[in-house]
Amino acid sequence: MASVTHNFMKLFRGSSSGSQAEAQQVPQKLTRRSSGLGELARLWESETPLCVLDLGSTSPTNITFFTGRAHKIYSEDLLVASTEPHLVTKDEQGNAALDSRKFLADNLLYPAAHFDVVLCWNLADYLDESLVRPVMGRLWSVLKPGGMLLAFFHTKDAGPDSPCYRFHIVGKDTLEMQKIVMRREARRGPTGAVHTAIIDGFRLQRVFNNRHIETLFRDFASIKFFLARDNVREVLVVR
């Protein structure tokens, strides 16, 4: 188990100083209203310290938001973690898949009933199919009874190239969204130096309908849907 402070080293390992190419690729931030976040807002003002798990790309904005209110925040970027080469295996049909046991052996290592809130964001839509159900099962176990999880799902009107965003909490029901871009190792030069390239972020893997979402969260006590205007359904579930 590692707090957000320790996760900085893990999440940013292999990063280099910003090159001119990377600087040109800094994505623009968009703003959106979030009804689900608004439902959670009453918790933020609680005098009882909360324990929050943020499953998006590490956001200094979110860290400041919660620590400034005397809450504890942990951060794990599960999408980046899912790209580890050692996770690749084959299913019974011989198709490429990711080993969920290895994945959970390295990630989400928290005590049972540890968190009051999990910010799942759009993780399920972009995570490899073989990891979605195991991850949701682990999240159920690390949430406290009565704890809440917020997740975003694309609707059928979303295109396959819908960008994956990182989310920054900037108000009671307001988020800034920043498109995720990734760096990959392109080649090693004659001196051994690594040359990197900027590529697009994660691709949308699937679109869940309401029935699929309800099945995904069937072990939770309750589920509430919010339909947004940007081809996204927000889902707030209670453990």
Protein backbone atom coordinates (compact mmCIF):
# COMPACT_ATOMS: atom_id res chain seq x y z
CA MET A 1 0.00 0.00 0.00
CA ALA A 2 1.38 3.40 -0.91
CA SER A 3 0.02 6.87 -0.40
CA VAL A 4 -0.07 9.42 -3.17
CA THR A 5 3.30 10.82 -2.10
CA HIS A 6 5.03 7.52 -2.71
CA ASN A 7 3.11 6.92 -5.92
CA PHE A 8 4.73 9.92 -7.58
CA MET A 9 7.91 7.87 -8.11
CA LYS A 10 5.96 4.92 -9.48
CA LEU A 11 3.66 6.89 -11.74
CA PHE A 12 6.32 9.09 -13.24
CA ARG A 13 9.13 6.55 -13.53
CA GLY A 14 10.99 6.83 -16.76
CA SER A 15 9.92 10.43 -17.33
CA SER A 16 12.43 12.87 -18.71
CA SER A 17 12.66 16.61 -18.68
CA GLY A 18 10.10 18.19 -20.98
CA SER A 19 11.36 18.39 -24.52
CA GLN A 20 10.18 20.92 -27.06
CA ALA A 21 8.10 18.22 -28.77
CA GLU A 22 6.36 17.33 -25.51
CA ALA A 23 5.72 20.97 -24.70
CA GLN A 24 3.94 21.33 -28.01
CA GLN A 25 1.76 18.33 -27.14
CA VAL A 26 0.40 19.65 -23.82
CA PRO A 27 -3.33 19.05 -24.25
CA GLN A 28 -5.87 21.79 -23.75
CA LYS A 29 -8.11 21.55 -20.69
CA LEU A 30 -11.88 21.45 -21.10
CA THR A 31 -14.47 22.10 -18.41
CA ARG A 32 -17.58 20.03 -17.70
CA ARG A 33 -20.27 19.86 -15.04
CA SER A 34 -20.59 16.61 -13.12
CA SER A 35 -23.86 15.75 -11.37
CA GLY A 36 -22.23 12.73 -9.75
CA LEU A 37 -19.45 14.86 -8.34
CA GLY A 38 -22.08 17.27 -7.06
CA GLU A 39 -23.72 14.39 -5.17
CA LEU A 40 -20.39 13.63 -3.51
CA ALA A 41 -19.67 17.26 -2.66
CA ARG A 42 -21.45 17.10 0.71
CA LEU A 43 -18.86 14.54 1.82
CA TRP A 44 -15.94 16.87 1.12
CA GLU A 45 -17.17 19.32 3.76
CA SER A 46 -17.40 16.62 6.43
CA GLU A 47 -15.38 17.25 9.59
CA THR A 48 -14.55 13.55 9.61
CA PRO A 49 -11.40 12.94 7.53
CA LEU A 50 -12.11 10.86 4.46
CA CYS A 51 -9.91 8.38 2.65
CA VAL A 52 -10.17 8.84 -1.13
CA LEU A 53 -8.79 6.69 -3.96
CA ASP A 54 -8.22 8.50 -7.28
CA LEU A 55 -7.80 6.04 -10.16
CA GLY A 56 -6.91 8.54 -12.87
CA SER A 57 -3.59 9.99 -13.92
CA THR A 58 -2.07 11.68 -10.90
CA SER A 59 -3.57 15.16 -10.53
CA PRO A 60 -1.83 17.75 -8.34
CA THR A 61 -5.12 19.67 -8.46
CA ASN A 62 -6.98 16.76 -6.85
CA ILE A 63 -4.25 16.27 -4.27
CA THR A 64 -4.49 19.92 -3.23
CA PHE A 65 -8.29 19.76 -3.25
CA PHE A 66 -8.48 16.90 -0.77
CA THR A 67 -5.46 17.55 1.45
CA GLY A 68 -6.61 21.16 1.82
CA ARG A 69 -9.78 19.76 3.39
CA ALA A 70 -7.82 17.44 5.72
CA HIS A 71 -8.72 14.33 3.72
CA LYS A 72 -6.24 11.64 2.68
CA ILE A 73 -5.89 10.83 -1.01
CA TYR A 74 -4.24 7.85 -2.69
CA SER A 75 -3.59 7.75 -6.43
CA GLU A 76 -3.05 4.87 -8.85
CA ASP A 77 -2.96 5.06 -12.63
CA LEU A 78 -4.33 1.64 -13.51
CA LEU A 79 -4.41 2.31 -17.24
CA VAL A 80 -0.66 2.88 -17.33
CA ALA A 81 -0.13 -0.11 -15.03
CA SER A 82 -2.10 -2.30 -17.45
CA THR A 83 0.48 -1.68 -20.20
CA GLU A 84 3.22 -3.62 -18.38
CA PRO A 85 4.55 -6.26 -20.85
CA HIS A 86 4.76 -9.05 -18.25
CA LEU A 87 0.95 -9.06 -17.93
CA VAL A 88 0.38 -10.32 -21.49
CA THR A 89 -0.89 -13.90 -21.73
CA LYS A 90 -3.37 -15.91 -23.82
CA ASP A 91 -6.92 -16.94 -23.02
CA GLU A 92 -8.45 -20.38 -23.64
CA GLN A 93 -9.04 -19.51 -27.30
CA GLY A 94 -5.43 -18.45 -27.76
CA ASN A 95 -6.26 -14.76 -27.95
CA ALA A 96 -4.03 -12.19 -26.29
CA ALA A 97 -5.26 -11.16 -22.83
CA LEU A 98 -3.89 -9.68 -19.65
CA ASP A 99 -3.27 -11.76 -16.53
CA SER A 100 -5.63 -10.30 -13.93
CA ARG A 101 -3.98 -12.21 -11.07
CA LYS A 102 -0.59 -10.70 -11.81
CA PHE A 103 -2.20 -7.30 -12.23
CA LEU A 104 -3.96 -7.43 -8.85
CA ALA A 105 -0.79 -8.76 -7.23
CA ASP A 106 0.90 -5.47 -8.16
CA ASN A 107 -1.96 -2.97 -7.89
CA LEU A 108 -4.79 -1.91 -5.55
CA LEU A 109 -2.98 -3.39 -2.56
CA TYR A 110 -5.04 -1.88 0.24
CA PRO A 111 -6.73 -3.30 3.33
CA ALA A 112 -10.37 -4.29 3.11
CA ALA A 113 -12.88 -1.49 3.77
CA HIS A 114 -10.16 1.17 3.59
CA PHE A 115 -11.75 3.91 1.43
CA ASP A 116 -14.75 6.18 1.82
CA VAL A 117 -14.75 7.23 -1.84
CA VAL A 118 -13.31 5.82 -5.06
CA LEU A 119 -13.04 8.11 -8.10
CA CYS A 120 -13.06 5.58 -10.93
CA TRP A 121 -13.58 8.17 -13.68
CA ASN A 122 -13.69 6.52 -17.14
CA LEU A 123 -11.42 3.59 -16.23
CA ALA A 124 -13.80 0.77 -17.22
CA ASP A 125 -14.29 2.06 -20.79
CA TYR A 126 -10.55 2.08 -21.54
CA LEU A 127 -9.25 -0.82 -19.43
CA ASP A 128 -8.56 -4.15 -21.11
CA GLU A 129 -11.64 -6.41 -21.00
CA SER A 130 -9.85 -9.12 -19.01
CA LEU A 131 -9.19 -6.72 -16.12
CA VAL A 132 -12.54 -4.91 -15.76
CA ARG A 133 -14.46 -7.36 -13.58
CA PRO A 134 -11.48 -8.34 -11.38
CA VAL A 135 -10.70 -4.66 -10.77
CA MET A 136 -14.29 -3.84 -9.86
CA GLY A 137 -14.31 -6.77 -7.46
CA ARG A 138 -11.17 -5.47 -5.77
CA LEU A 139 -12.66 -1.97 -5.55
CA TRP A 140 -15.75 -3.40 -3.84
CA SER A 141 -13.53 -5.01 -1.23
CA VAL A 142 -11.43 -1.90 -0.48
CA LEU A 143 -14.51 0.35 -0.11
CA LYS A 144 -16.05 0.75 3.31
CA PRO A 145 -19.69 -0.37 3.73
CA GLY A 146 -21.66 2.69 2.66
CA GLY A 147 -18.65 3.96 0.70
CA MET A 148 -19.27 5.48 -2.74
CA LEU A 149 -17.72 5.01 -6.17
CA LEU A 150 -18.10 7.45 -9.07
CA ALA A 151 -17.60 6.18 -12.63
CA PHE A 152 -18.14 7.59 -16.12
CA PHE A 153 -19.33 5.52 -19.10
CA HIS A 154 -19.66 6.52 -22.74
CA THR A 155 -23.02 6.16 -24.48
CA LYS A 156 -23.53 4.41 -27.83
CA ASP A 157 -23.22 7.79 -29.58
CA ALA A 158 -19.58 8.07 -28.58
CA GLY A 159 -17.16 7.28 -31.38
CA PRO A 160 -14.28 4.78 -31.14
CA ASP A 161 -11.81 7.65 -31.12
CA SER A 162 -13.33 9.31 -28.05
CA PRO A 163 -10.30 10.60 -26.14
CA CYS A 164 -9.35 9.38 -22.71
CA TYR A 165 -9.13 12.22 -20.20
CA ARG A 166 -7.54 12.91 -16.86
CA PHE A 167 -9.90 14.72 -14.49
CA HIS A 168 -9.17 17.61 -12.15
CA ILE A 169 -11.68 18.70 -9.50
CA VAL A 170 -11.98 22.49 -9.64
CA GLY A 171 -15.34 23.07 -7.96
CA LYS A 172 -18.32 21.55 -6.19
CA ASP A 173 -19.61 19.98 -9.40
CA THR A 174 -17.00 21.10 -11.92
CA LEU A 175 -14.17 19.18 -13.55
CA GLU A 176 -11.35 20.15 -15.86
CA MET A 177 -10.64 17.46 -18.45
CA GLN A 178 -7.25 17.04 -20.08
CA LYS A 179 -6.68 14.59 -22.92
CA ILE A 180 -4.15 11.92 -22.02
CA VAL A 181 -1.15 11.59 -24.30
CA MET A 182 1.48 8.93 -23.81
CA ARG A 183 5.19 8.74 -24.37
CA ARG A 184 6.71 5.59 -25.81
CA GLU A 185 10.29 4.56 -26.44
CA ALA A 186 10.84 4.95 -30.15
CA ARG A 187 14.48 3.83 -30.42
CA ARG A 188 17.85 3.98 -28.75
CA GLY A 189 20.48 6.17 -30.30
CA PRO A 190 24.14 5.22 -30.86
CA THR A 191 25.04 6.55 -27.41
CA GLY A 192 22.33 4.48 -25.74
CA ALA A 193 20.11 7.48 -25.15
CA VAL A 194 16.39 6.78 -25.37
CA HIS A 195 14.45 8.76 -27.95
CA THR A 196 10.76 9.08 -27.15
CA ALA A 197 7.71 9.93 -29.22
CA ILE A 198 4.33 11.34 -28.30
CA ILE A 199 1.40 9.11 -29.27
CA ASP A 200 -2.33 9.25 -28.70
CA GLY A 201 -3.66 7.99 -25.40
CA PHE A 202 -5.77 4.95 -24.64
CA ARG A 203 -8.48 3.85 -27.06
CA LEU A 204 -12.08 3.25 -26.11
CA GLN A 205 -12.43 -0.52 -25.63
CA ARG A 206 -16.21 -0.90 -25.41
CA VAL A 207 -19.50 0.87 -24.68
CA PHE A 208 -21.51 -0.45 -21.73
CA ASN A 209 -25.30 -0.22 -21.82
CA ASN A 210 -27.29 0.25 -18.61
CA ARG A 211 -27.81 -3.49 -18.15
CA HIS A 212 -24.08 -4.15 -18.48
CA ILE A 213 -23.32 -1.44 -15.94
CA GLU A 214 -25.84 -2.83 -13.49
CA THR A 215 -24.27 -6.28 -13.90
CA LEU A 216 -20.79 -4.86 -13.40
CA PHE A 217 -21.86 -3.34 -10.06
CA ARG A 218 -24.26 -6.10 -9.01
CA ASP A 219 -22.47 -6.64 -5.69
CA PHE A 220 -23.00 -3.02 -4.66
CA ALA A 221 -25.98 -1.97 -2.54
CA SER A 222 -27.34 0.74 -4.85
CA ILE A 223 -26.71 2.45 -8.18
CA LYS A 224 -27.73 5.84 -9.54
CA PHE A 225 -27.42 7.09 -13.13
CA PHE A 226 -26.88 10.64 -14.39
CA LEU A 227 -27.03 11.33 -18.14
CA ALA A 228 -24.75 14.13 -19.25
CA ARG A 229 -24.78 16.07 -22.54
CA ASP A 230 -21.37 14.91 -23.76
CA ASN A 231 -22.26 11.27 -24.55
CA VAL A 232 -21.32 10.22 -21.04
CA ARG A 233 -23.37 8.52 -18.32
CA GLU A 234 -22.23 9.14 -14.77
CA VAL A 235 -22.81 6.33 -12.30
CA LEU A 236 -22.70 6.63 -8.53
CA VAL A 237 -22.73 3.34 -6.64
CA VAL A 238 -22.80 2.62 -2.92
CA ARG A 239 -21.04 -0.36 -1.34
